[in-house]
Amino acid sequence: RSYPPYIIMGQPKVGKTTLFRDLVLLLYKDPSKGLLISFGDEEGFLASDDLQYEEAKTWDDYEDENGNRGLRQIIDEVIETQGTDEQIEMVAFDTYDELIEVATKQVFEEHREQYGTYPKSLNA
């Protein structure tokens, strides 16, 4: 299954998260059919009722004391639900700039594991 990509851009607190939630409810009448994946310090989802969300603080597999998991684990579960009653129909990443930070940290860590040192930049 493929999810069509859309980018919703706007100033902070303009209602991007609310728009996602409203679309899920309009199209599927069930908040469990959408999943908002929050990165970094984004917490706009906390102000929305009827919104299924997960916080992805890292790229790779992990689980913290609050049950937060890495992006890879979350995406694996979304894939595993395909064809079941729990199937996720819409996924949102909140926000793109925070996703880049999580991905960059992962690239640096993989570089450290392969070469023994952290790179000075992404270009390295």
PDB file of N, CA and C in Angstrom:
ATOM      1  N   ARG A   1       0.845  -1.178   0.000  1.00  0.00           N
ATOM      2  CA  ARG A   1       0.000   0.000   0.000  1.00  0.00           C
ATOM      3  C   ARG A   1       0.888   1.238   0.000  1.00  0.00           C
ATOM      4  N   SER A   2       0.454   2.247  -0.691  1.00  0.00           N
ATOM      5  CA  SER A   2       1.196   3.498  -0.773  1.00  0.00           C
ATOM      6  C   SER A   2       0.328   4.640  -0.246  1.00  0.00           C
ATOM      7  N   TYR A   3       0.947   5.529   0.509  1.00  0.00           N
ATOM      8  CA  TYR A   3       0.252   6.700   1.011  1.00  0.00           C
ATOM      9  C   TYR A   3       0.621   7.896   0.134  1.00  0.00           C
ATOM     10  N   PRO A   4      -0.356   8.612  -0.419  1.00  0.00           N
ATOM     11  CA  PRO A   4       0.007   9.778  -1.223  1.00  0.00           C
ATOM     12  C   PRO A   4       0.624  10.858  -0.338  1.00  0.00           C
ATOM     13  N   PRO A   5       1.713  11.477  -0.801  1.00  0.00           N
ATOM     14  CA  PRO A   5       2.380  12.491   0.033  1.00  0.00           C
ATOM     15  C   PRO A   5       1.771  13.877  -0.138  1.00  0.00           C
ATOM     16  N   TYR A   6       1.567  14.544   0.958  1.00  0.00           N
ATOM     17  CA  TYR A   6       1.136  15.939   0.984  1.00  0.00           C
ATOM     18  C   TYR A   6       1.970  16.648   2.031  1.00  0.00           C
ATOM     19  N   ILE A   7       2.250  17.913   1.804  1.00  0.00           N
ATOM     20  CA  ILE A   7       2.940  18.716   2.804  1.00  0.00           C
ATOM     21  C   ILE A   7       2.026  19.860   3.192  1.00  0.00           C
ATOM     22  N   ILE A   8       1.758  19.961   4.471  1.00  0.00           N
ATOM     23  CA  ILE A   8       0.966  21.067   5.006  1.00  0.00           C
ATOM     24  C   ILE A   8       1.943  21.978   5.719  1.00  0.00           C
ATOM     25  N   MET A   9       2.073  23.197   5.210  1.00  0.00           N
ATOM     26  CA  MET A   9       3.009  24.145   5.797  1.00  0.00           C
ATOM     27  C   MET A   9       2.233  25.321   6.382  1.00  0.00           C
ATOM     28  N   GLY A  10       2.761  25.880   7.443  1.00  0.00           N
ATOM     29  CA  GLY A  10       2.141  27.047   8.041  1.00  0.00           C
ATOM     30  C   GLY A  10       2.891  27.472   9.282  1.00  0.00           C
ATOM     31  N   GLN A  11       2.572  28.642   9.732  1.00  0.00           N
ATOM     32  CA  GLN A  11       3.170  29.168  10.945  1.00  0.00           C
ATOM     33  C   GLN A  11       2.780  28.279  12.133  1.00  0.00           C
ATOM     34  N   PRO A  12       3.597  28.284  13.194  1.00  0.00           N
ATOM     35  CA  PRO A  12       3.233  27.528  14.394  1.00  0.00           C
ATOM     36  C   PRO A  12       1.859  27.951  14.923  1.00  0.00           C
ATOM     37  N   LYS A  13       1.108  26.965  15.367  1.00  0.00           N
ATOM     38  CA  LYS A  13      -0.207  27.151  15.996  1.00  0.00           C
ATOM     39  C   LYS A  13      -1.283  27.622  15.025  1.00  0.00           C
ATOM     40  N   VAL A  14      -1.064  27.422  13.712  1.00  0.00           N
ATOM     41  CA  VAL A  14      -2.067  27.824  12.729  1.00  0.00           C
ATOM     42  C   VAL A  14      -3.147  26.747  12.567  1.00  0.00           C
ATOM     43  N   GLY A  15      -2.870  25.503  13.003  1.00  0.00           N
ATOM     44  CA  GLY A  15      -3.888  24.455  12.960  1.00  0.00           C
ATOM     45  C   GLY A  15      -3.566  23.286  12.051  1.00  0.00           C
ATOM     46  N   LYS A  16      -2.308  23.037  11.774  1.00  0.00           N
ATOM     47  CA  LYS A  16      -1.924  21.930  10.901  1.00  0.00           C
ATOM     48  C   LYS A  16      -2.298  20.576  11.509  1.00  0.00           C
ATOM     49  N   THR A  17      -2.043  20.416  12.784  1.00  0.00           N
ATOM     50  CA  THR A  17      -2.374  19.155  13.458  1.00  0.00           C
ATOM     51  C   THR A  17      -3.887  18.966  13.514  1.00  0.00           C
ATOM     52  N   THR A  18      -4.594  20.031  13.789  1.00  0.00           N
ATOM     53  CA  THR A  18      -6.062  19.963  13.821  1.00  0.00           C
ATOM     54  C   THR A  18      -6.612  19.612  12.445  1.00  0.00           C
ATOM     55  N   LEU A  19      -6.020  20.158  11.394  1.00  0.00           N
ATOM     56  CA  LEU A  19      -6.444  19.827  10.037  1.00  0.00           C
ATOM     57  C   LEU A  19      -6.273  18.337   9.774  1.00  0.00           C
ATOM     58  N   PHE A  20      -5.132  17.779  10.164  1.00  0.00           N
ATOM     59  CA  PHE A  20      -4.913  16.340   9.987  1.00  0.00           C
ATOM     60  C   PHE A  20      -5.982  15.548  10.727  1.00  0.00           C
ATOM     61  N   ARG A  21      -6.204  15.878  11.998  1.00  0.00           N
ATOM     62  CA  ARG A  21      -7.213  15.167  12.782  1.00  0.00           C
ATOM     63  C   ARG A  21      -8.584  15.275  12.131  1.00  0.00           C
ATOM     64  N   ASP A  22      -8.946  16.469  11.683  1.00  0.00           N
ATOM     65  CA  ASP A  22     -10.257  16.678  11.066  1.00  0.00           C
ATOM     66  C   ASP A  22     -10.404  15.884   9.772  1.00  0.00           C
ATOM     67  N   LEU A  23      -9.327  15.782   8.994  1.00  0.00           N
ATOM     68  CA  LEU A  23      -9.379  14.978   7.770  1.00  0.00           C
ATOM     69  C   LEU A  23      -9.609  13.501   8.077  1.00  0.00           C
ATOM     70  N   VAL A  24      -8.908  12.999   9.079  1.00  0.00           N
ATOM     71  CA  VAL A  24      -9.094  11.598   9.472  1.00  0.00           C
ATOM     72  C   VAL A  24     -10.551  11.360   9.883  1.00  0.00           C
ATOM     73  N   LEU A  25     -11.089  12.233  10.705  1.00  0.00           N
ATOM     74  CA  LEU A  25     -12.469  12.059  11.167  1.00  0.00           C
ATOM     75  C   LEU A  25     -13.471  12.231  10.029  1.00  0.00           C
ATOM     76  N   LEU A  26     -13.216  13.159   9.121  1.00  0.00           N
ATOM     77  CA  LEU A  26     -14.107  13.374   7.982  1.00  0.00           C
ATOM     78  C   LEU A  26     -14.120  12.166   7.053  1.00  0.00           C
ATOM     79  N   LEU A  27     -12.938  11.663   6.732  1.00  0.00           N
ATOM     80  CA  LEU A  27     -12.835  10.577   5.759  1.00  0.00           C
ATOM     81  C   LEU A  27     -13.152   9.201   6.328  1.00  0.00           C
ATOM     82  N   TYR A  28     -12.812   8.966   7.609  1.00  0.00           N
ATOM     83  CA  TYR A  28     -12.910   7.612   8.155  1.00  0.00           C
ATOM     84  C   TYR A  28     -13.810   7.492   9.376  1.00  0.00           C
ATOM     85  N   LYS A  29     -14.214   8.628   9.936  1.00  0.00           N
ATOM     86  CA  LYS A  29     -15.121   8.647  11.109  1.00  0.00           C
ATOM     87  C   LYS A  29     -14.561   7.893  12.307  1.00  0.00           C
ATOM     88  N   ASP A  30     -13.235   7.692  12.319  1.00  0.00           N
ATOM     89  CA  ASP A  30     -12.604   6.895  13.360  1.00  0.00           C
ATOM     90  C   ASP A  30     -11.169   7.399  13.564  1.00  0.00           C
ATOM     91  N   PRO A  31     -10.859   7.971  14.738  1.00  0.00           N
ATOM     92  CA  PRO A  31      -9.513   8.505  14.950  1.00  0.00           C
ATOM     93  C   PRO A  31      -8.410   7.456  14.867  1.00  0.00           C
ATOM     94  N   SER A  32      -8.732   6.180  15.037  1.00  0.00           N
ATOM     95  CA  SER A  32      -7.702   5.146  14.971  1.00  0.00           C
ATOM     96  C   SER A  32      -7.244   4.876  13.539  1.00  0.00           C
ATOM     97  N   LYS A  33      -7.890   5.471  12.560  1.00  0.00           N
ATOM     98  CA  LYS A  33      -7.497   5.280  11.164  1.00  0.00           C
ATOM     99  C   LYS A  33      -6.393   6.244  10.743  1.00  0.00           C
ATOM    100  N   GLY A  34      -6.054   7.195  11.598  1.00  0.00           N
ATOM    101  CA  GLY A  34      -4.962   8.116  11.324  1.00  0.00           C
ATOM    102  C   GLY A  34      -3.918   8.011  12.418  1.00  0.00           C
ATOM    103  N   LEU A  35      -2.673   8.278  12.064  1.00  0.00           N
ATOM    104  CA  LEU A  35      -1.597   8.266  13.048  1.00  0.00           C
ATOM    105  C   LEU A  35      -0.703   9.465  12.810  1.00  0.00           C
ATOM    106  N   LEU A  36      -0.568  10.304  13.817  1.00  0.00           N
ATOM    107  CA  LEU A  36       0.360  11.425  13.776  1.00  0.00           C
ATOM    108  C   LEU A  36       1.627  10.990  14.493  1.00  0.00           C
ATOM    109  N   ILE A  37       2.751  11.059  13.792  1.00  0.00           N
ATOM    110  CA  ILE A  37       4.039  10.714  14.384  1.00  0.00           C
ATOM    111  C   ILE A  37       4.751  12.020  14.682  1.00  0.00           C
ATOM    112  N   SER A  38       4.999  12.264  15.949  1.00  0.00           N
ATOM    113  CA  SER A  38       5.608  13.511  16.397  1.00  0.00           C
ATOM    114  C   SER A  38       7.093  13.299  16.644  1.00  0.00           C
ATOM    115  N   PHE A  39       7.899  14.259  16.192  1.00  0.00           N
ATOM    116  CA  PHE A  39       9.348  14.177  16.332  1.00  0.00           C
ATOM    117  C   PHE A  39       9.860  15.270  17.249  1.00  0.00           C
ATOM    118  N   GLY A  40      11.001  15.003  17.883  1.00  0.00           N
ATOM    119  CA  GLY A  40      11.682  16.027  18.665  1.00  0.00           C
ATOM    120  C   GLY A  40      10.821  16.609  19.762  1.00  0.00           C
ATOM    121  N   ASP A  41      10.790  17.932  19.810  1.00  0.00           N
ATOM    122  CA  ASP A  41      10.063  18.630  20.868  1.00  0.00           C
ATOM    123  C   ASP A  41       8.654  19.044  20.472  1.00  0.00           C
ATOM    124  N   GLU A  42       8.163  18.585  19.328  1.00  0.00           N
ATOM    125  CA  GLU A  42       6.807  18.923  18.907  1.00  0.00           C
ATOM    126  C   GLU A  42       5.802  18.318  19.875  1.00  0.00           C
ATOM    127  N   GLU A  43       4.866  19.124  20.349  1.00  0.00           N
ATOM    128  CA  GLU A  43       3.836  18.610  21.256  1.00  0.00           C
ATOM    129  C   GLU A  43       2.468  19.194  20.954  1.00  0.00           C
ATOM    130  N   GLY A  44       2.264  19.668  19.720  1.00  0.00           N
ATOM    131  CA  GLY A  44       0.979  20.224  19.327  1.00  0.00           C
ATOM    132  C   GLY A  44      -0.155  19.220  19.430  1.00  0.00           C
ATOM    133  N   PHE A  45       0.171  17.963  19.304  1.00  0.00           N
ATOM    134  CA  PHE A  45      -0.839  16.905  19.371  1.00  0.00           C
ATOM    135  C   PHE A  45      -1.514  16.839  20.735  1.00  0.00           C
ATOM    136  N   LEU A  46      -0.854  17.324  21.780  1.00  0.00           N
ATOM    137  CA  LEU A  46      -1.420  17.254  23.130  1.00  0.00           C
ATOM    138  C   LEU A  46      -2.678  18.099  23.274  1.00  0.00           C
ATOM    139  N   ALA A  47      -2.866  19.073  22.382  1.00  0.00           N
ATOM    140  CA  ALA A  47      -4.036  19.949  22.449  1.00  0.00           C
ATOM    141  C   ALA A  47      -5.227  19.394  21.674  1.00  0.00           C
ATOM    142  N   SER A  48      -5.090  18.235  21.053  1.00  0.00           N
ATOM    143  CA  SER A  48      -6.150  17.699  20.199  1.00  0.00           C
ATOM    144  C   SER A  48      -6.745  16.429  20.779  1.00  0.00           C
ATOM    145  N   ASP A  49      -8.053  16.429  20.907  1.00  0.00           N
ATOM    146  CA  ASP A  49      -8.779  15.208  21.254  1.00  0.00           C
ATOM    147  C   ASP A  49      -8.991  14.403  19.981  1.00  0.00           C
ATOM    148  N   ASP A  50      -9.342  13.143  20.122  1.00  0.00           N
ATOM    149  CA  ASP A  50      -9.626  12.272  18.981  1.00  0.00           C
ATOM    150  C   ASP A  50      -8.480  12.221  17.986  1.00  0.00           C
ATOM    151  N   LEU A  51      -7.264  12.093  18.505  1.00  0.00           N
ATOM    152  CA  LEU A  51      -6.086  12.030  17.647  1.00  0.00           C
ATOM    153  C   LEU A  51      -5.174  10.924  18.155  1.00  0.00           C
ATOM    154  N   GLN A  52      -4.914   9.946  17.301  1.00  0.00           N
ATOM    155  CA  GLN A  52      -3.969   8.880  17.638  1.00  0.00           C
ATOM    156  C   GLN A  52      -2.570   9.371  17.276  1.00  0.00           C
ATOM    157  N   TYR A  53      -1.647   9.269  18.216  1.00  0.00           N
ATOM    158  CA  TYR A  53      -0.298   9.769  17.960  1.00  0.00           C
ATOM    159  C   TYR A  53       0.740   8.890  18.630  1.00  0.00           C
ATOM    160  N   GLU A  54       1.964   9.022  18.128  1.00  0.00           N
ATOM    161  CA  GLU A  54       3.136   8.403  18.743  1.00  0.00           C
ATOM    162  C   GLU A  54       4.250   9.425  18.693  1.00  0.00           C
ATOM    163  N   GLU A  55       5.121   9.399  19.690  1.00  0.00           N
ATOM    164  CA  GLU A  55       6.291  10.263  19.717  1.00  0.00           C
ATOM    165  C   GLU A  55       7.511   9.441  19.317  1.00  0.00           C
ATOM    166  N   ALA A  56       8.180   9.867  18.259  1.00  0.00           N
ATOM    167  CA  ALA A  56       9.391   9.194  17.797  1.00  0.00           C
ATOM    168  C   ALA A  56      10.582  10.085  18.132  1.00  0.00           C
ATOM    169  N   LYS A  57      11.269   9.763  19.197  1.00  0.00           N
ATOM    170  CA  LYS A  57      12.420  10.565  19.620  1.00  0.00           C
ATOM    171  C   LYS A  57      13.696  10.154  18.901  1.00  0.00           C
ATOM    172  N   THR A  58      13.709   8.939  18.349  1.00  0.00           N
ATOM    173  CA  THR A  58      14.879   8.450  17.621  1.00  0.00           C
ATOM    174  C   THR A  58      14.419   7.753  16.341  1.00  0.00           C
ATOM    175  N   TRP A  59      15.374   7.460  15.480  1.00  0.00           N
ATOM    176  CA  TRP A  59      15.093   6.745  14.241  1.00  0.00           C
ATOM    177  C   TRP A  59      15.016   5.250  14.490  1.00  0.00           C
ATOM    178  N   ASP A  60      15.953   4.757  15.269  1.00  0.00           N
ATOM    179  CA  ASP A  60      16.126   3.323  15.425  1.00  0.00           C
ATOM    180  C   ASP A  60      15.222   2.756  16.524  1.00  0.00           C
ATOM    181  N   ASP A  61      15.298   1.448  16.698  1.00  0.00           N
ATOM    182  CA  ASP A  61      14.481   0.760  17.690  1.00  0.00           C
ATOM    183  C   ASP A  61      14.898   1.128  19.110  1.00  0.00           C
ATOM    184  N   TYR A  62      13.910   1.434  19.929  1.00  0.00           N
ATOM    185  CA  TYR A  62      14.122   1.667  21.350  1.00  0.00           C
ATOM    186  C   TYR A  62      12.743   1.796  21.979  1.00  0.00           C
ATOM    187  N   GLU A  63      12.690   1.755  23.276  1.00  0.00           N
ATOM    188  CA  GLU A  63      11.445   2.058  23.988  1.00  0.00           C
ATOM    189  C   GLU A  63      11.834   2.673  25.315  1.00  0.00           C
ATOM    190  N   ASP A  64      11.197   3.797  25.646  1.00  0.00           N
ATOM    191  CA  ASP A  64      11.517   4.458  26.909  1.00  0.00           C
ATOM    192  C   ASP A  64      10.458   4.148  27.958  1.00  0.00           C
ATOM    193  N   GLU A  65      10.630   4.741  29.125  1.00  0.00           N
ATOM    194  CA  GLU A  65       9.722   4.468  30.246  1.00  0.00           C
ATOM    195  C   GLU A  65       8.286   4.933  29.979  1.00  0.00           C
ATOM    196  N   ASN A  66       8.090   5.818  28.987  1.00  0.00           N
ATOM    197  CA  ASN A  66       6.748   6.294  28.642  1.00  0.00           C
ATOM    198  C   ASN A  66       6.127   5.495  27.498  1.00  0.00           C
ATOM    199  N   GLY A  67       6.821   4.488  27.028  1.00  0.00           N
ATOM    200  CA  GLY A  67       6.317   3.680  25.922  1.00  0.00           C
ATOM    201  C   GLY A  67       6.601   4.257  24.551  1.00  0.00           C
ATOM    202  N   ASN A  68       7.350   5.367  24.499  1.00  0.00           N
ATOM    203  CA  ASN A  68       7.727   5.937  23.207  1.00  0.00           C
ATOM    204  C   ASN A  68       8.684   4.992  22.502  1.00  0.00           C
ATOM    205  N   ARG A  69       8.522   4.910  21.178  1.00  0.00           N
ATOM    206  CA  ARG A  69       9.352   4.000  20.386  1.00  0.00           C
ATOM    207  C   ARG A  69      10.066   4.768  19.297  1.00  0.00           C
ATOM    208  N   GLY A  70      11.004   4.101  18.641  1.00  0.00           N
ATOM    209  CA  GLY A  70      11.702   4.700  17.518  1.00  0.00           C
ATOM    210  C   GLY A  70      10.842   4.674  16.265  1.00  0.00           C
ATOM    211  N   LEU A  71      11.187   5.546  15.315  1.00  0.00           N
ATOM    212  CA  LEU A  71      10.421   5.649  14.069  1.00  0.00           C
ATOM    213  C   LEU A  71      10.334   4.309  13.353  1.00  0.00           C
ATOM    214  N   ARG A  72      11.416   3.575  13.328  1.00  0.00           N
ATOM    215  CA  ARG A  72      11.414   2.286  12.636  1.00  0.00           C
ATOM    216  C   ARG A  72      10.357   1.341  13.222  1.00  0.00           C
ATOM    217  N   GLN A  73      10.252   1.281  14.538  1.00  0.00           N
ATOM    218  CA  GLN A  73       9.250   0.409  15.168  1.00  0.00           C
ATOM    219  C   GLN A  73       7.830   0.867  14.839  1.00  0.00           C
ATOM    220  N   ILE A  74       7.612   2.168  14.861  1.00  0.00           N
ATOM    221  CA  ILE A  74       6.279   2.709  14.571  1.00  0.00           C
ATOM    222  C   ILE A  74       5.875   2.376  13.137  1.00  0.00           C
ATOM    223  N   ILE A  75       6.782   2.626  12.192  1.00  0.00           N
ATOM    224  CA  ILE A  75       6.484   2.352  10.782  1.00  0.00           C
ATOM    225  C   ILE A  75       6.266   0.860  10.550  1.00  0.00           C
ATOM    226  N   ASP A  76       7.076   0.019  11.195  1.00  0.00           N
ATOM    227  CA  ASP A  76       6.872  -1.432  11.070  1.00  0.00           C
ATOM    228  C   ASP A  76       5.464  -1.819  11.515  1.00  0.00           C
ATOM    229  N   GLU A  77       4.979  -1.221  12.599  1.00  0.00           N
ATOM    230  CA  GLU A  77       3.636  -1.552  13.069  1.00  0.00           C
ATOM    231  C   GLU A  77       2.567  -1.062  12.093  1.00  0.00           C
ATOM    232  N   VAL A  78       2.760   0.114  11.514  1.00  0.00           N
ATOM    233  CA  VAL A  78       1.811   0.613  10.505  1.00  0.00           C
ATOM    234  C   VAL A  78       1.738  -0.372   9.343  1.00  0.00           C
ATOM    235  N   ILE A  79       2.882  -0.866   8.904  1.00  0.00           N
ATOM    236  CA  ILE A  79       2.923  -1.835   7.803  1.00  0.00           C
ATOM    237  C   ILE A  79       2.231  -3.132   8.201  1.00  0.00           C
ATOM    238  N   GLU A  80       2.467  -3.589   9.430  1.00  0.00           N
ATOM    239  CA  GLU A  80       1.870  -4.843   9.903  1.00  0.00           C
ATOM    240  C   GLU A  80       0.355  -4.773   9.999  1.00  0.00           C
ATOM    241  N   THR A  81      -0.222  -3.582  10.172  1.00  0.00           N
ATOM    242  CA  THR A  81      -1.679  -3.461  10.296  1.00  0.00           C
ATOM    243  C   THR A  81      -2.394  -3.516   8.951  1.00  0.00           C
ATOM    244  N   GLN A  82      -1.640  -3.420   7.845  1.00  0.00           N
ATOM    245  CA  GLN A  82      -2.274  -3.424   6.525  1.00  0.00           C
ATOM    246  C   GLN A  82      -3.089  -4.690   6.331  1.00  0.00           C
ATOM    247  N   GLY A  83      -4.311  -4.511   5.837  1.00  0.00           N
ATOM    248  CA  GLY A  83      -5.195  -5.648   5.585  1.00  0.00           C
ATOM    249  C   GLY A  83      -5.922  -6.159   6.811  1.00  0.00           C
ATOM    250  N   THR A  84      -5.780  -5.463   7.960  1.00  0.00           N
ATOM    251  CA  THR A  84      -6.479  -5.858   9.178  1.00  0.00           C
ATOM    252  C   THR A  84      -7.482  -4.779   9.567  1.00  0.00           C
ATOM    253  N   ASP A  85      -8.288  -5.063  10.567  1.00  0.00           N
ATOM    254  CA  ASP A  85      -9.238  -4.065  11.072  1.00  0.00           C
ATOM    255  C   ASP A  85      -8.532  -2.860  11.683  1.00  0.00           C
ATOM    256  N   GLU A  86      -7.292  -3.029  12.104  1.00  0.00           N
ATOM    257  CA  GLU A  86      -6.517  -1.942  12.717  1.00  0.00           C
ATOM    258  C   GLU A  86      -5.739  -1.121  11.693  1.00  0.00           C
ATOM    259  N   GLN A  87      -5.979  -1.332  10.399  1.00  0.00           N
ATOM    260  CA  GLN A  87      -5.216  -0.660   9.349  1.00  0.00           C
ATOM    261  C   GLN A  87      -5.238   0.857   9.501  1.00  0.00           C
ATOM    262  N   ILE A  88      -4.058   1.454   9.441  1.00  0.00           N
ATOM    263  CA  ILE A  88      -3.913   2.908   9.471  1.00  0.00           C
ATOM    264  C   ILE A  88      -4.093   3.414   8.041  1.00  0.00           C
ATOM    265  N   GLU A  89      -4.977   4.376   7.857  1.00  0.00           N
ATOM    266  CA  GLU A  89      -5.253   4.903   6.520  1.00  0.00           C
ATOM    267  C   GLU A  89      -4.463   6.172   6.207  1.00  0.00           C
ATOM    268  N   MET A  90      -4.136   6.964   7.218  1.00  0.00           N
ATOM    269  CA  MET A  90      -3.403   8.216   7.013  1.00  0.00           C
ATOM    270  C   MET A  90      -2.311   8.344   8.060  1.00  0.00           C
ATOM    271  N   VAL A  91      -1.130   8.818   7.627  1.00  0.00           N
ATOM    272  CA  VAL A  91      -0.010   9.044   8.533  1.00  0.00           C
ATOM    273  C   VAL A  91       0.475  10.470   8.328  1.00  0.00           C
ATOM    274  N   ALA A  92       0.745  11.164   9.433  1.00  0.00           N
ATOM    275  CA  ALA A  92       1.303  12.518   9.366  1.00  0.00           C
ATOM    276  C   ALA A  92       2.582  12.566  10.182  1.00  0.00           C
ATOM    277  N   PHE A  93       3.572  13.290   9.674  1.00  0.00           N
ATOM    278  CA  PHE A  93       4.827  13.529  10.392  1.00  0.00           C
ATOM    279  C   PHE A  93       4.824  14.960  10.883  1.00  0.00           C
ATOM    280  N   ASP A  94       5.011  15.135  12.178  1.00  0.00           N
ATOM    281  CA  ASP A  94       4.956  16.463  12.802  1.00  0.00           C
ATOM    282  C   ASP A  94       6.258  16.715  13.550  1.00  0.00           C
ATOM    283  N   THR A  95       7.091  17.460  13.102  1.00  0.00           N
ATOM    284  CA  THR A  95       7.149  18.244  11.883  1.00  0.00           C
ATOM    285  C   THR A  95       8.351  17.800  11.059  1.00  0.00           C
ATOM    286  N   TYR A  96       8.382  18.246   9.804  1.00  0.00           N
ATOM    287  CA  TYR A  96       9.443  17.846   8.884  1.00  0.00           C
ATOM    288  C   TYR A  96      10.821  18.263   9.391  1.00  0.00           C
ATOM    289  N   ASP A  97      10.937  19.486   9.903  1.00  0.00           N
ATOM    290  CA  ASP A  97      12.252  19.945  10.375  1.00  0.00           C
ATOM    291  C   ASP A  97      12.742  19.109  11.552  1.00  0.00           C
ATOM    292  N   GLU A  98      11.849  18.678  12.419  1.00  0.00           N
ATOM    293  CA  GLU A  98      12.237  17.806  13.534  1.00  0.00           C
ATOM    294  C   GLU A  98      12.586  16.405  13.035  1.00  0.00           C
ATOM    295  N   LEU A  99      11.914  15.934  11.982  1.00  0.00           N
ATOM    296  CA  LEU A  99      12.246  14.648  11.370  1.00  0.00           C
ATOM    297  C   LEU A  99      13.673  14.680  10.832  1.00  0.00           C
ATOM    298  N   ILE A 100      14.056  15.791  10.216  1.00  0.00           N
ATOM    299  CA  ILE A 100      15.423  15.931   9.694  1.00  0.00           C
ATOM    300  C   ILE A 100      16.433  15.810  10.831  1.00  0.00           C
ATOM    301  N   GLU A 101      16.152  16.409  11.986  1.00  0.00           N
ATOM    302  CA  GLU A 101      17.063  16.315  13.140  1.00  0.00           C
ATOM    303  C   GLU A 101      17.216  14.867  13.600  1.00  0.00           C
ATOM    304  N   VAL A 102      16.108  14.131  13.692  1.00  0.00           N
ATOM    305  CA  VAL A 102      16.155  12.731  14.115  1.00  0.00           C
ATOM    306  C   VAL A 102      16.953  11.909  13.101  1.00  0.00           C
ATOM    307  N   ALA A 103      16.725  12.145  11.810  1.00  0.00           N
ATOM    308  CA  ALA A 103      17.447  11.413  10.764  1.00  0.00           C
ATOM    309  C   ALA A 103      18.941  11.745  10.781  1.00  0.00           C
ATOM    310  N   THR A 104      19.278  13.004  10.991  1.00  0.00           N
ATOM    311  CA  THR A 104      20.678  13.416  11.032  1.00  0.00           C
ATOM    312  C   THR A 104      21.411  12.737  12.180  1.00  0.00           C
ATOM    313  N   LYS A 105      20.795  12.689  13.348  1.00  0.00           N
ATOM    314  CA  LYS A 105      21.402  11.993  14.487  1.00  0.00           C
ATOM    315  C   LYS A 105      21.661  10.523  14.146  1.00  0.00           C
ATOM    316  N   GLN A 106      20.717   9.895  13.424  1.00  0.00           N
ATOM    317  CA  GLN A 106      20.887   8.490  13.044  1.00  0.00           C
ATOM    318  C   GLN A 106      22.063   8.323  12.087  1.00  0.00           C
ATOM    319  N   VAL A 107      22.185   9.218  11.114  1.00  0.00           N
ATOM    320  CA  VAL A 107      23.299   9.152  10.164  1.00  0.00           C
ATOM    321  C   VAL A 107      24.627   9.297  10.903  1.00  0.00           C
ATOM    322  N   PHE A 108      24.705  10.241  11.846  1.00  0.00           N
ATOM    323  CA  PHE A 108      25.937  10.440  12.619  1.00  0.00           C
ATOM    324  C   PHE A 108      26.272   9.192  13.434  1.00  0.00           C
ATOM    325  N   GLU A 109      25.250   8.584  14.018  1.00  0.00           N
ATOM    326  CA  GLU A 109      25.479   7.383  14.831  1.00  0.00           C
ATOM    327  C   GLU A 109      25.954   6.218  13.967  1.00  0.00           C
ATOM    328  N   GLU A 110      25.368   6.052  12.794  1.00  0.00           N
ATOM    329  CA  GLU A 110      25.799   4.977  11.901  1.00  0.00           C
ATOM    330  C   GLU A 110      27.230   5.214  11.424  1.00  0.00           C
ATOM    331  N   HIS A 111      27.589   6.460  11.200  1.00  0.00           N
ATOM    332  CA  HIS A 111      28.964   6.790  10.829  1.00  0.00           C
ATOM    333  C   HIS A 111      29.920   6.418  11.969  1.00  0.00           C
ATOM    334  N   ARG A 112      29.539   6.763  13.203  1.00  0.00           N
ATOM    335  CA  ARG A 112      30.367   6.432  14.372  1.00  0.00           C
ATOM    336  C   ARG A 112      30.551   4.926  14.488  1.00  0.00           C
ATOM    337  N   GLU A 113      29.478   4.170  14.292  1.00  0.00           N
ATOM    338  CA  GLU A 113      29.574   2.717  14.395  1.00  0.00           C
ATOM    339  C   GLU A 113      30.491   2.139  13.314  1.00  0.00           C
ATOM    340  N   GLN A 114      30.447   2.709  12.121  1.00  0.00           N
ATOM    341  CA  GLN A 114      31.249   2.184  11.018  1.00  0.00           C
ATOM    342  C   GLN A 114      32.705   2.641  11.075  1.00  0.00           C
ATOM    343  N   TYR A 115      32.947   3.912  11.461  1.00  0.00           N
ATOM    344  CA  TYR A 115      34.303   4.459  11.391  1.00  0.00           C
ATOM    345  C   TYR A 115      34.937   4.773  12.749  1.00  0.00           C
ATOM    346  N   GLY A 116      34.166   4.675  13.825  1.00  0.00           N
ATOM    347  CA  GLY A 116      34.731   4.876  15.153  1.00  0.00           C
ATOM    348  C   GLY A 116      34.740   6.317  15.647  1.00  0.00           C
ATOM    349  N   THR A 117      34.336   7.263  14.813  1.00  0.00           N
ATOM    350  CA  THR A 117      34.279   8.675  15.222  1.00  0.00           C
ATOM    351  C   THR A 117      33.011   9.311  14.668  1.00  0.00           C
ATOM    352  N   TYR A 118      32.564  10.373  15.335  1.00  0.00           N
ATOM    353  CA  TYR A 118      31.426  11.133  14.823  1.00  0.00           C
ATOM    354  C   TYR A 118      31.897  12.040  13.698  1.00  0.00           C
ATOM    355  N   PRO A 119      31.103  12.173  12.628  1.00  0.00           N
ATOM    356  CA  PRO A 119      31.488  13.087  11.552  1.00  0.00           C
ATOM    357  C   PRO A 119      31.289  14.537  12.001  1.00  0.00           C
ATOM    358  N   LYS A 120      32.015  15.438  11.342  1.00  0.00           N
ATOM    359  CA  LYS A 120      31.886  16.868  11.672  1.00  0.00           C
ATOM    360  C   LYS A 120      30.678  17.489  10.989  1.00  0.00           C
ATOM    361  N   SER A 121      30.199  16.845   9.923  1.00  0.00           N
ATOM    362  CA  SER A 121      29.039  17.363   9.194  1.00  0.00           C
ATOM    363  C   SER A 121      28.408  16.223   8.410  1.00  0.00           C
ATOM    364  N   LEU A 122      27.245  16.472   7.831  1.00  0.00           N
ATOM    365  CA  LEU A 122      26.613  15.459   6.979  1.00  0.00           C
ATOM    366  C   LEU A 122      27.455  15.183   5.745  1.00  0.00           C
ATOM    367  N   ASN A 123      28.113  16.185   5.234  1.00  0.00           N
ATOM    368  CA  ASN A 123      28.967  15.991   4.060  1.00  0.00           C
ATOM    369  C   ASN A 123      30.126  15.049   4.332  1.00  0.00           C
ATOM    370  N   ALA A 124      30.561  14.971   5.593  1.00  0.00           N
ATOM    371  CA  ALA A 124      31.672  14.087   5.946  1.00  0.00           C
ATOM    372  C   ALA A 124      31.237  12.633   5.855  1.00  0.00           C
TER     373      ALA A 124
END
